[in-house]
Amino acid sequence: MIPKSHESAGFEQSNTSLETPKTIFENPELLEECYKKADAYLGEYRIKLDKDTFPHYSSTVLTRANEEVRQMERQFAEQDIEEEKVARKVSVIMEAILTSQTENDWFGPDAQMITPSRYDDIKNGVDGCLEFTDAHTADYLALSIDFTYSHNSGLSRKIRGIEASIKAGTLSKMDFFVSSQLVPSDETESEMVPRFVGSKSGIPKVVVGCDAEHVTEMAQLWVEGKNKTLSTHPARLILLDQMILQMEHYITIAEDADRPQIAEIYRRDFAIVQNVRAQVAPEVILSKTDRVTEGIRELIRH
């Protein structure tokens, strides 16, 4: 997880030029530079599977989970499919950028992006978990995020997968969840600890992403340390609109499938995100369409 007071470690100056016409997929130098920064950046906040983080988990459970991660990562390396390697790197870059932009309230002042463990990332398909907290109540909501840049078959598989899960009565889960909200410890009020640590299920999921052009713009701004320009990038509106589109759709899917509890979970997150969208500053302008958003619109029509 990332505290909003933290200065983003990924925003150093770079010599990468904004003049390059290539997208990040055609520019291996930009891809690698961004990926290295993003991987290091997320490494600082990624939930670690150890006894310090999960004191109530047995050493056996943690050891088994870490070994499973190593096995899955070895399988990825052995596949050696270039397109999949690029896709994973771009997903890491997007995750780092969006995590850093929680400092700029991209998803509202009460939102924090939790960086899941590698286990939940790979095993449970959770790229990021956006946690909304309310300082006035004990309630909080978590929204599972799946990053993508695909607007074709890859996007379709993700959307249809969420629909199928809703109809089956299941939502996302994180086996190793650590809340970003801190509360006084039961042992001593002077010590602040995460509000919840453990396995968390029933997390609503959405797919968010941008097409190659928008991803490239964000990556170049991020790697060059142009945080102020990035903070007003139209991707903020793109992602909020994608969330709203999907949550409206998933509410309908849940209601039609007689899953009222799931419909209510999505309805509560929908109200939060819709309110954030309404408060976006006027200097954030959506001047062109995004192909991922158009792909989502097309998929939820059918």
C-alpha atoms as a PDB file:
ATOM      1  CA  MET A   1       0.000   0.000   0.000  1.00  0.00           C
ATOM      2  CA  ILE A   2       1.138   3.571  -0.509  1.00  0.00           C
ATOM      3  CA  PRO A   3       0.708   6.434   1.978  1.00  0.00           C
ATOM      4  CA  LYS A   4      -0.422   9.637   0.338  1.00  0.00           C
ATOM      5  CA  SER A   5       2.252  11.644   2.095  1.00  0.00           C
ATOM      6  CA  HIS A   6       4.980   9.586   0.419  1.00  0.00           C
ATOM      7  CA  GLU A   7       6.864  11.231  -2.413  1.00  0.00           C
ATOM      8  CA  SER A   8       6.760   8.833  -5.357  1.00  0.00           C
ATOM      9  CA  ALA A   9      10.102   7.117  -5.767  1.00  0.00           C
ATOM     10  CA  GLY A  10       9.453   6.545  -9.447  1.00  0.00           C
ATOM     11  CA  PHE A  11       9.504  10.181 -10.435  1.00  0.00           C
ATOM     12  CA  GLU A  12      13.157  10.860 -11.131  1.00  0.00           C
ATOM     13  CA  GLN A  13      14.268  12.828 -14.126  1.00  0.00           C
ATOM     14  CA  SER A  14      15.102  10.882 -17.279  1.00  0.00           C
ATOM     15  CA  ASN A  15      16.469  11.575 -20.739  1.00  0.00           C
ATOM     16  CA  THR A  16      13.605   9.762 -22.455  1.00  0.00           C
ATOM     17  CA  SER A  17      12.188  12.106 -25.088  1.00  0.00           C
ATOM     18  CA  LEU A  18       8.537  13.014 -25.417  1.00  0.00           C
ATOM     19  CA  GLU A  19       9.154  13.555 -29.113  1.00  0.00           C
ATOM     20  CA  THR A  20       9.284   9.855 -30.016  1.00  0.00           C
ATOM     21  CA  PRO A  21       6.319   8.859 -32.215  1.00  0.00           C
ATOM     22  CA  LYS A  22       6.505   5.178 -31.273  1.00  0.00           C
ATOM     23  CA  THR A  23       4.142   3.586 -28.783  1.00  0.00           C
ATOM     24  CA  ILE A  24       5.623   1.830 -25.785  1.00  0.00           C
ATOM     25  CA  PHE A  25       5.038  -1.496 -27.542  1.00  0.00           C
ATOM     26  CA  GLU A  26       7.293  -0.432 -30.402  1.00  0.00           C
ATOM     27  CA  ASN A  27       9.877   1.218 -28.190  1.00  0.00           C
ATOM     28  CA  PRO A  28      11.769  -1.452 -26.188  1.00  0.00           C
ATOM     29  CA  GLU A  29      14.031   1.143 -24.571  1.00  0.00           C
ATOM     30  CA  LEU A  30      11.088   3.060 -23.111  1.00  0.00           C
ATOM     31  CA  LEU A  31       9.367  -0.191 -22.104  1.00  0.00           C
ATOM     32  CA  GLU A  32      12.406  -1.469 -20.221  1.00  0.00           C
ATOM     33  CA  GLU A  33      13.157   1.863 -18.538  1.00  0.00           C
ATOM     34  CA  CYS A  34       9.565   2.223 -17.354  1.00  0.00           C
ATOM     35  CA  TYR A  35       9.310  -1.417 -16.303  1.00  0.00           C
ATOM     36  CA  LYS A  36      12.452  -1.322 -14.166  1.00  0.00           C
ATOM     37  CA  LYS A  37      11.281   1.824 -12.378  1.00  0.00           C
ATOM     38  CA  ALA A  38       7.756   0.448 -11.958  1.00  0.00           C
ATOM     39  CA  ASP A  39       8.920  -2.927 -10.635  1.00  0.00           C
ATOM     40  CA  ALA A  40      11.211  -1.264  -8.084  1.00  0.00           C
ATOM     41  CA  TYR A  41       8.522   1.235  -7.111  1.00  0.00           C
ATOM     42  CA  LEU A  42       5.853  -1.410  -6.509  1.00  0.00           C
ATOM     43  CA  GLY A  43       8.352  -3.575  -4.667  1.00  0.00           C
ATOM     44  CA  GLU A  44       8.345  -1.027  -1.846  1.00  0.00           C
ATOM     45  CA  TYR A  45       4.578  -1.401  -1.318  1.00  0.00           C
ATOM     46  CA  ARG A  46       3.816  -4.954  -2.419  1.00  0.00           C
ATOM     47  CA  ILE A  47       2.332  -7.054   0.388  1.00  0.00           C
ATOM     48  CA  LYS A  48       5.004  -9.465   1.593  1.00  0.00           C
ATOM     49  CA  LEU A  49       4.211 -12.995   2.688  1.00  0.00           C
ATOM     50  CA  ASP A  50       6.136 -13.168   5.939  1.00  0.00           C
ATOM     51  CA  LYS A  51       5.471 -13.470   9.657  1.00  0.00           C
ATOM     52  CA  ASP A  52       5.987  -9.741  10.232  1.00  0.00           C
ATOM     53  CA  THR A  53       3.049  -8.966   7.944  1.00  0.00           C
ATOM     54  CA  PHE A  54       0.911 -12.003   8.796  1.00  0.00           C
ATOM     55  CA  PRO A  55       1.787 -12.987  12.383  1.00  0.00           C
ATOM     56  CA  HIS A  56      -1.360 -15.116  12.699  1.00  0.00           C
ATOM     57  CA  TYR A  57      -0.569 -17.234   9.629  1.00  0.00           C
ATOM     58  CA  SER A  58       1.430 -20.400  10.158  1.00  0.00           C
ATOM     59  CA  SER A  59       4.942 -20.597   8.736  1.00  0.00           C
ATOM     60  CA  THR A  60       3.781 -23.596   6.710  1.00  0.00           C
ATOM     61  CA  VAL A  61       1.072 -21.573   4.948  1.00  0.00           C
ATOM     62  CA  LEU A  62       3.443 -18.713   4.152  1.00  0.00           C
ATOM     63  CA  THR A  63       6.223 -21.028   2.963  1.00  0.00           C
ATOM     64  CA  ARG A  64       3.803 -22.931   0.733  1.00  0.00           C
ATOM     65  CA  ALA A  65       2.432 -19.702  -0.773  1.00  0.00           C
ATOM     66  CA  ASN A  66       5.908 -18.320  -1.483  1.00  0.00           C
ATOM     67  CA  GLU A  67       6.950 -21.581  -3.103  1.00  0.00           C
ATOM     68  CA  GLU A  68       3.840 -21.552  -5.282  1.00  0.00           C
ATOM     69  CA  VAL A  69       4.746 -18.028  -6.414  1.00  0.00           C
ATOM     70  CA  ARG A  70       8.243 -19.199  -7.364  1.00  0.00           C
ATOM     71  CA  GLN A  71       6.776 -22.090  -9.348  1.00  0.00           C
ATOM     72  CA  MET A  72       4.324 -19.838 -11.200  1.00  0.00           C
ATOM     73  CA  GLU A  73       7.065 -17.331 -12.012  1.00  0.00           C
ATOM     74  CA  ARG A  74       9.278 -20.129 -13.339  1.00  0.00           C
ATOM     75  CA  GLN A  75       6.430 -21.240 -15.598  1.00  0.00           C
ATOM     76  CA  PHE A  76       6.083 -17.689 -16.926  1.00  0.00           C
ATOM     77  CA  ALA A  77       9.806 -17.573 -17.664  1.00  0.00           C
ATOM     78  CA  GLU A  78       9.741 -20.954 -19.424  1.00  0.00           C
ATOM     79  CA  GLN A  79       6.844 -19.953 -21.678  1.00  0.00           C
ATOM     80  CA  ASP A  80       9.057 -17.278 -23.220  1.00  0.00           C
ATOM     81  CA  ILE A  81       6.243 -15.793 -25.332  1.00  0.00           C
ATOM     82  CA  GLU A  82       7.309 -12.259 -26.182  1.00  0.00           C
ATOM     83  CA  GLU A  83       3.787 -10.849 -26.450  1.00  0.00           C
ATOM     84  CA  GLU A  84       2.888 -12.135 -22.980  1.00  0.00           C
ATOM     85  CA  LYS A  85       6.120 -10.768 -21.527  1.00  0.00           C
ATOM     86  CA  VAL A  86       5.330  -7.316 -22.919  1.00  0.00           C
ATOM     87  CA  ALA A  87       1.752  -7.524 -21.625  1.00  0.00           C
ATOM     88  CA  ARG A  88       2.940  -8.323 -18.103  1.00  0.00           C
ATOM     89  CA  LYS A  89       5.467  -5.484 -18.159  1.00  0.00           C
ATOM     90  CA  VAL A  90       2.872  -2.978 -19.356  1.00  0.00           C
ATOM     91  CA  SER A  91       0.484  -4.153 -16.632  1.00  0.00           C
ATOM     92  CA  VAL A  92       3.197  -3.519 -14.008  1.00  0.00           C
ATOM     93  CA  ILE A  93       3.844  -0.052 -15.463  1.00  0.00           C
ATOM     94  CA  MET A  94       0.145   0.847 -15.367  1.00  0.00           C
ATOM     95  CA  GLU A  95      -0.157  -0.459 -11.822  1.00  0.00           C
ATOM     96  CA  ALA A  96       2.772   1.695 -10.688  1.00  0.00           C
ATOM     97  CA  ILE A  97       1.432   4.814 -12.401  1.00  0.00           C
ATOM     98  CA  LEU A  98      -2.075   4.433 -10.988  1.00  0.00           C
ATOM     99  CA  THR A  99      -0.731   3.605  -7.537  1.00  0.00           C
ATOM    100  CA  SER A 100       1.381   6.747  -7.594  1.00  0.00           C
ATOM    101  CA  GLN A 101      -1.588   8.829  -8.696  1.00  0.00           C
ATOM    102  CA  THR A 102      -3.583   7.980  -5.591  1.00  0.00           C
ATOM    103  CA  GLU A 103      -1.426  10.740  -4.074  1.00  0.00           C
ATOM    104  CA  ASN A 104      -3.101  13.105  -6.523  1.00  0.00           C
ATOM    105  CA  ASP A 105      -6.557  11.841  -5.533  1.00  0.00           C
ATOM    106  CA  TRP A 106      -7.268  10.290  -8.926  1.00  0.00           C
ATOM    107  CA  PHE A 107      -9.836   8.067  -7.217  1.00  0.00           C
ATOM    108  CA  GLY A 108     -10.843  10.492  -4.496  1.00  0.00           C
ATOM    109  CA  PRO A 109      -9.313  11.624  -1.171  1.00  0.00           C
ATOM    110  CA  ASP A 110     -10.528   8.496   0.645  1.00  0.00           C
ATOM    111  CA  ALA A 111      -8.956   6.005  -1.789  1.00  0.00           C
ATOM    112  CA  GLN A 112      -5.730   4.053  -1.451  1.00  0.00           C
ATOM    113  CA  MET A 113      -4.289   1.564  -3.923  1.00  0.00           C
ATOM    114  CA  ILE A 114      -3.166  -1.622  -2.220  1.00  0.00           C
ATOM    115  CA  THR A 115      -0.393  -3.479  -4.042  1.00  0.00           C
ATOM    116  CA  PRO A 116      -1.258  -7.180  -3.672  1.00  0.00           C
ATOM    117  CA  SER A 117       1.233  -9.929  -2.949  1.00  0.00           C
ATOM    118  CA  ARG A 118       2.626 -11.739  -5.958  1.00  0.00           C
ATOM    119  CA  TYR A 119       0.484 -14.683  -4.865  1.00  0.00           C
ATOM    120  CA  ASP A 120      -2.790 -12.753  -5.157  1.00  0.00           C
ATOM    121  CA  ASP A 121      -1.550 -11.061  -8.328  1.00  0.00           C
ATOM    122  CA  ILE A 122      -0.823 -14.330 -10.120  1.00  0.00           C
ATOM    123  CA  LYS A 123      -3.127 -16.831  -8.399  1.00  0.00           C
ATOM    124  CA  ASN A 124      -6.224 -14.675  -7.890  1.00  0.00           C
ATOM    125  CA  GLY A 125      -5.808 -12.231 -10.770  1.00  0.00           C
ATOM    126  CA  VAL A 126      -5.776  -9.076  -8.636  1.00  0.00           C
ATOM    127  CA  ASP A 127      -3.411  -6.496 -10.125  1.00  0.00           C
ATOM    128  CA  GLY A 128      -4.391  -3.862  -7.604  1.00  0.00           C
ATOM    129  CA  CYS A 129      -6.998  -3.317  -4.916  1.00  0.00           C
ATOM    130  CA  LEU A 130      -8.516   0.123  -4.564  1.00  0.00           C
ATOM    131  CA  GLU A 131      -9.675   0.609  -0.979  1.00  0.00           C
ATOM    132  CA  PHE A 132     -12.196   3.326  -0.130  1.00  0.00           C
ATOM    133  CA  THR A 133     -12.293   4.347   3.522  1.00  0.00           C
ATOM    134  CA  ASP A 134     -14.732   6.617   5.299  1.00  0.00           C
ATOM    135  CA  ALA A 135     -13.287   8.501   8.250  1.00  0.00           C
ATOM    136  CA  HIS A 136     -16.778   9.023   9.694  1.00  0.00           C
ATOM    137  CA  THR A 137     -17.858   5.384   9.809  1.00  0.00           C
ATOM    138  CA  ALA A 138     -16.326   1.965  10.311  1.00  0.00           C
ATOM    139  CA  ASP A 139     -17.199   0.928   6.776  1.00  0.00           C
ATOM    140  CA  TYR A 140     -14.821   0.547   3.901  1.00  0.00           C
ATOM    141  CA  LEU A 141     -15.065  -0.930   0.428  1.00  0.00           C
ATOM    142  CA  ALA A 142     -12.453  -2.598  -1.713  1.00  0.00           C
ATOM    143  CA  LEU A 143     -12.496  -2.730  -5.494  1.00  0.00           C
ATOM    144  CA  SER A 144     -10.356  -5.316  -7.266  1.00  0.00           C
ATOM    145  CA  ILE A 145      -8.577  -3.868 -10.293  1.00  0.00           C
ATOM    146  CA  ASP A 146      -7.475  -5.813 -13.375  1.00  0.00           C
ATOM    147  CA  PHE A 147      -5.248  -3.725 -15.651  1.00  0.00           C
ATOM    148  CA  THR A 148      -5.318  -4.181 -19.417  1.00  0.00           C
ATOM    149  CA  TYR A 149      -4.384  -2.436 -22.646  1.00  0.00           C
ATOM    150  CA  SER A 150      -6.269  -4.887 -24.862  1.00  0.00           C
ATOM    151  CA  HIS A 151      -9.464  -3.790 -26.560  1.00  0.00           C
ATOM    152  CA  ASN A 152     -10.046  -7.093 -28.385  1.00  0.00           C
ATOM    153  CA  SER A 153     -10.195 -10.731 -27.256  1.00  0.00           C
ATOM    154  CA  GLY A 154      -8.168 -10.169 -24.077  1.00  0.00           C
ATOM    155  CA  LEU A 155     -10.642  -7.573 -22.839  1.00  0.00           C
ATOM    156  CA  SER A 156     -13.575  -9.784 -23.794  1.00  0.00           C
ATOM    157  CA  ARG A 157     -12.223 -12.698 -21.732  1.00  0.00           C
ATOM    158  CA  LYS A 158     -11.850 -10.480 -18.672  1.00  0.00           C
ATOM    159  CA  ILE A 159     -15.328  -8.927 -18.912  1.00  0.00           C
ATOM    160  CA  ARG A 160     -17.055 -12.244 -19.615  1.00  0.00           C
ATOM    161  CA  GLY A 161     -15.135 -13.809 -16.743  1.00  0.00           C
ATOM    162  CA  ILE A 162     -16.442 -11.204 -14.296  1.00  0.00           C
ATOM    163  CA  GLU A 163     -19.980 -11.690 -15.609  1.00  0.00           C
ATOM    164  CA  ALA A 164     -19.722 -15.457 -15.144  1.00  0.00           C
ATOM    165  CA  SER A 165     -18.416 -15.056 -11.599  1.00  0.00           C
ATOM    166  CA  ILE A 166     -21.282 -12.751 -10.669  1.00  0.00           C
ATOM    167  CA  LYS A 167     -23.846 -15.183 -12.060  1.00  0.00           C
ATOM    168  CA  ALA A 168     -22.188 -17.959 -10.038  1.00  0.00           C
ATOM    169  CA  GLY A 169     -22.375 -15.835  -6.912  1.00  0.00           C
ATOM    170  CA  THR A 170     -18.652 -15.293  -6.442  1.00  0.00           C
ATOM    171  CA  LEU A 171     -16.488 -12.186  -6.389  1.00  0.00           C
ATOM    172  CA  SER A 172     -12.735 -11.640  -6.225  1.00  0.00           C
ATOM    173  CA  LYS A 173     -10.681 -12.624  -3.225  1.00  0.00           C
ATOM    174  CA  MET A 174      -7.280 -11.882  -1.763  1.00  0.00           C
ATOM    175  CA  ASP A 175      -5.814 -14.653   0.362  1.00  0.00           C
ATOM    176  CA  PHE A 176      -3.308 -12.182   1.811  1.00  0.00           C
ATOM    177  CA  PHE A 177      -5.039  -8.837   2.352  1.00  0.00           C
ATOM    178  CA  VAL A 178      -3.668  -5.939   4.396  1.00  0.00           C
ATOM    179  CA  SER A 179      -5.910  -2.905   4.802  1.00  0.00           C
ATOM    180  CA  SER A 180      -4.434   0.530   4.176  1.00  0.00           C
ATOM    181  CA  GLN A 181      -6.567   1.947   6.982  1.00  0.00           C
ATOM    182  CA  LEU A 182      -4.728   2.185  10.308  1.00  0.00           C
ATOM    183  CA  VAL A 183      -6.481   1.885  13.675  1.00  0.00           C
ATOM    184  CA  PRO A 184      -5.245   1.779  17.302  1.00  0.00           C
ATOM    185  CA  SER A 185      -3.913  -1.603  18.357  1.00  0.00           C
ATOM    186  CA  ASP A 186      -5.926  -3.729  20.805  1.00  0.00           C
ATOM    187  CA  GLU A 187      -2.810  -4.000  22.944  1.00  0.00           C
ATOM    188  CA  THR A 188      -1.927  -0.308  23.069  1.00  0.00           C
ATOM    189  CA  GLU A 189      -3.749   2.686  21.599  1.00  0.00           C
ATOM    190  CA  SER A 190      -0.464   4.425  20.846  1.00  0.00           C
ATOM    191  CA  GLU A 191       0.373   1.756  18.257  1.00  0.00           C
ATOM    192  CA  MET A 192      -1.376   1.953  14.886  1.00  0.00           C
ATOM    193  CA  VAL A 193      -1.998  -1.266  12.975  1.00  0.00           C
ATOM    194  CA  PRO A 194      -3.853  -2.187   9.747  1.00  0.00           C
ATOM    195  CA  ARG A 195      -7.592  -2.412  10.300  1.00  0.00           C
ATOM    196  CA  PHE A 196      -7.736  -5.855   8.755  1.00  0.00           C
ATOM    197  CA  VAL A 197      -5.089  -8.456   7.962  1.00  0.00           C
ATOM    198  CA  GLY A 198      -6.029 -11.823   6.526  1.00  0.00           C
ATOM    199  CA  SER A 199      -8.019 -13.467   3.777  1.00  0.00           C
ATOM    200  CA  LYS A 200     -10.691 -11.266   2.205  1.00  0.00           C
ATOM    201  CA  SER A 201     -13.382 -12.426  -0.196  1.00  0.00           C
ATOM    202  CA  GLY A 202     -16.386 -10.745  -1.779  1.00  0.00           C
ATOM    203  CA  ILE A 203     -14.343  -8.020  -3.485  1.00  0.00           C
ATOM    204  CA  PRO A 204     -16.075  -6.572  -6.556  1.00  0.00           C
ATOM    205  CA  LYS A 205     -13.927  -6.470  -9.668  1.00  0.00           C
ATOM    206  CA  VAL A 206     -13.581  -4.186 -12.678  1.00  0.00           C
ATOM    207  CA  VAL A 207     -11.206  -4.072 -15.622  1.00  0.00           C
ATOM    208  CA  VAL A 208      -9.449  -0.785 -16.339  1.00  0.00           C
ATOM    209  CA  GLY A 209      -6.911   0.194 -18.937  1.00  0.00           C
ATOM    210  CA  CYS A 210      -5.911   2.466 -21.762  1.00  0.00           C
ATOM    211  CA  ASP A 211      -4.987   1.949 -25.377  1.00  0.00           C
ATOM    212  CA  ALA A 212      -1.385   2.051 -26.612  1.00  0.00           C
ATOM    213  CA  GLU A 213      -1.411   5.804 -27.262  1.00  0.00           C
ATOM    214  CA  HIS A 214      -2.607   6.756 -23.783  1.00  0.00           C
ATOM    215  CA  VAL A 215      -0.369   4.190 -22.061  1.00  0.00           C
ATOM    216  CA  THR A 216       2.624   5.618 -23.917  1.00  0.00           C
ATOM    217  CA  GLU A 217       1.759   9.194 -22.934  1.00  0.00           C
ATOM    218  CA  MET A 218       1.471   8.237 -19.271  1.00  0.00           C
ATOM    219  CA  ALA A 219       4.634   6.130 -19.313  1.00  0.00           C
ATOM    220  CA  GLN A 220       6.693   8.943 -20.822  1.00  0.00           C
ATOM    221  CA  LEU A 221       5.395  11.480 -18.304  1.00  0.00           C
ATOM    222  CA  TRP A 222       5.967   9.070 -15.437  1.00  0.00           C
ATOM    223  CA  VAL A 223       9.503   8.114 -16.377  1.00  0.00           C
ATOM    224  CA  GLU A 224      10.430  11.774 -16.919  1.00  0.00           C
ATOM    225  CA  GLY A 225       9.101  12.759 -13.498  1.00  0.00           C
ATOM    226  CA  LYS A 226       6.430  15.104 -14.871  1.00  0.00           C
ATOM    227  CA  ASN A 227       4.044  14.392 -12.038  1.00  0.00           C
ATOM    228  CA  LYS A 228       2.094  17.645 -12.278  1.00  0.00           C
ATOM    229  CA  THR A 229       1.275  17.058 -15.958  1.00  0.00           C
ATOM    230  CA  LEU A 230       0.465  13.418 -15.272  1.00  0.00           C
ATOM    231  CA  SER A 231      -1.910  14.373 -12.448  1.00  0.00           C
ATOM    232  CA  THR A 232      -4.251  16.038 -14.965  1.00  0.00           C
ATOM    233  CA  HIS A 233      -3.877  13.427 -17.698  1.00  0.00           C
ATOM    234  CA  PRO A 234      -7.240  12.444 -19.265  1.00  0.00           C
ATOM    235  CA  ALA A 235      -6.553   8.826 -18.280  1.00  0.00           C
ATOM    236  CA  ARG A 236      -8.112   9.713 -14.937  1.00  0.00           C
ATOM    237  CA  LEU A 237     -11.464  10.356 -16.615  1.00  0.00           C
ATOM    238  CA  ILE A 238     -11.010   7.341 -18.876  1.00  0.00           C
ATOM    239  CA  LEU A 239     -10.538   4.971 -15.935  1.00  0.00           C
ATOM    240  CA  LEU A 240     -13.337   6.438 -13.824  1.00  0.00           C
ATOM    241  CA  ASP A 241     -15.720   6.200 -16.780  1.00  0.00           C
ATOM    242  CA  GLN A 242     -14.694   2.578 -17.342  1.00  0.00           C
ATOM    243  CA  MET A 243     -15.429   1.755 -13.718  1.00  0.00           C
ATOM    244  CA  ILE A 244     -18.838   3.436 -13.868  1.00  0.00           C
ATOM    245  CA  LEU A 245     -19.790   1.721 -17.129  1.00  0.00           C
ATOM    246  CA  GLN A 246     -18.906  -1.697 -15.782  1.00  0.00           C
ATOM    247  CA  MET A 247     -20.444  -1.304 -12.339  1.00  0.00           C
ATOM    248  CA  GLU A 248     -23.777  -0.258 -13.850  1.00  0.00           C
ATOM    249  CA  HIS A 249     -23.583  -3.325 -16.080  1.00  0.00           C
ATOM    250  CA  TYR A 250     -22.579  -5.710 -13.275  1.00  0.00           C
ATOM    251  CA  ILE A 251     -25.405  -4.437 -11.060  1.00  0.00           C
ATOM    252  CA  THR A 252     -27.845  -5.428 -13.808  1.00  0.00           C
ATOM    253  CA  ILE A 253     -26.131  -8.790 -14.282  1.00  0.00           C
ATOM    254  CA  ALA A 254     -26.350  -9.484 -10.538  1.00  0.00           C
ATOM    255  CA  GLU A 255     -30.003  -8.453 -10.318  1.00  0.00           C
ATOM    256  CA  ASP A 256     -30.945 -10.585 -13.324  1.00  0.00           C
ATOM    257  CA  ALA A 257     -29.094 -13.536 -11.787  1.00  0.00           C
ATOM    258  CA  ASP A 258     -30.887 -13.048  -8.449  1.00  0.00           C
ATOM    259  CA  ARG A 259     -27.688 -12.069  -6.640  1.00  0.00           C
ATOM    260  CA  PRO A 260     -28.945  -9.121  -4.561  1.00  0.00           C
ATOM    261  CA  GLN A 261     -25.952  -9.045  -2.204  1.00  0.00           C
ATOM    262  CA  ILE A 262     -23.518  -8.749  -5.097  1.00  0.00           C
ATOM    263  CA  ALA A 263     -25.693  -6.084  -6.703  1.00  0.00           C
ATOM    264  CA  GLU A 264     -25.615  -4.097  -3.450  1.00  0.00           C
ATOM    265  CA  ILE A 265     -21.822  -4.364  -3.164  1.00  0.00           C
ATOM    266  CA  TYR A 266     -21.376  -3.005  -6.683  1.00  0.00           C
ATOM    267  CA  ARG A 267     -24.050  -0.367  -6.052  1.00  0.00           C
ATOM    268  CA  ARG A 268     -22.147   1.027  -3.054  1.00  0.00           C
ATOM    269  CA  ASP A 269     -18.864   1.247  -4.976  1.00  0.00           C
ATOM    270  CA  PHE A 270     -20.715   2.743  -7.932  1.00  0.00           C
ATOM    271  CA  ALA A 271     -21.991   5.611  -5.767  1.00  0.00           C
ATOM    272  CA  ILE A 272     -18.459   6.331  -4.508  1.00  0.00           C
ATOM    273  CA  VAL A 273     -16.848   6.326  -7.958  1.00  0.00           C
ATOM    274  CA  GLN A 274     -19.672   8.342  -9.505  1.00  0.00           C
ATOM    275  CA  ASN A 275     -19.173  11.007  -6.826  1.00  0.00           C
ATOM    276  CA  VAL A 276     -15.402  11.074  -7.495  1.00  0.00           C
ATOM    277  CA  ARG A 277     -16.091  11.452 -11.230  1.00  0.00           C
ATOM    278  CA  ALA A 278     -18.407  14.407 -10.613  1.00  0.00           C
ATOM    279  CA  GLN A 279     -15.676  16.236  -8.674  1.00  0.00           C
ATOM    280  CA  VAL A 280     -12.889  15.930 -11.246  1.00  0.00           C
ATOM    281  CA  ALA A 281     -11.325  19.340 -11.813  1.00  0.00           C
ATOM    282  CA  PRO A 282     -12.242  21.108 -15.075  1.00  0.00           C
ATOM    283  CA  GLU A 283      -8.603  21.214 -16.217  1.00  0.00           C
ATOM    284  CA  VAL A 284      -8.777  17.448 -16.747  1.00  0.00           C
ATOM    285  CA  ILE A 285     -10.119  17.248 -20.286  1.00  0.00           C
ATOM    286  CA  LEU A 286     -10.999  14.122 -22.238  1.00  0.00           C
ATOM    287  CA  SER A 287     -10.153  15.264 -25.750  1.00  0.00           C
ATOM    288  CA  LYS A 288     -10.110  11.906 -27.558  1.00  0.00           C
ATOM    289  CA  THR A 289     -11.661   8.494 -27.224  1.00  0.00           C
ATOM    290  CA  ASP A 290      -9.865   5.484 -25.819  1.00  0.00           C
ATOM    291  CA  ARG A 291     -10.124   2.143 -27.604  1.00  0.00           C
ATOM    292  CA  VAL A 292     -10.278   0.140 -24.369  1.00  0.00           C
ATOM    293  CA  THR A 293     -13.271   2.215 -23.234  1.00  0.00           C
ATOM    294  CA  GLU A 294     -14.949   1.718 -26.596  1.00  0.00           C
ATOM    295  CA  GLY A 295     -14.265  -2.007 -26.319  1.00  0.00           C
ATOM    296  CA  ILE A 296     -15.941  -2.086 -22.901  1.00  0.00           C
ATOM    297  CA  ARG A 297     -18.961  -0.184 -24.250  1.00  0.00           C
ATOM    298  CA  GLU A 298     -19.331  -2.652 -27.083  1.00  0.00           C
ATOM    299  CA  LEU A 299     -19.002  -5.711 -24.839  1.00  0.00           C
ATOM    300  CA  ILE A 300     -21.604  -4.616 -22.278  1.00  0.00           C
ATOM    301  CA  ARG A 301     -24.094  -3.907 -25.064  1.00  0.00           C
ATOM    302  CA  HIS A 302     -24.261  -7.618 -25.879  1.00  0.00           C
END
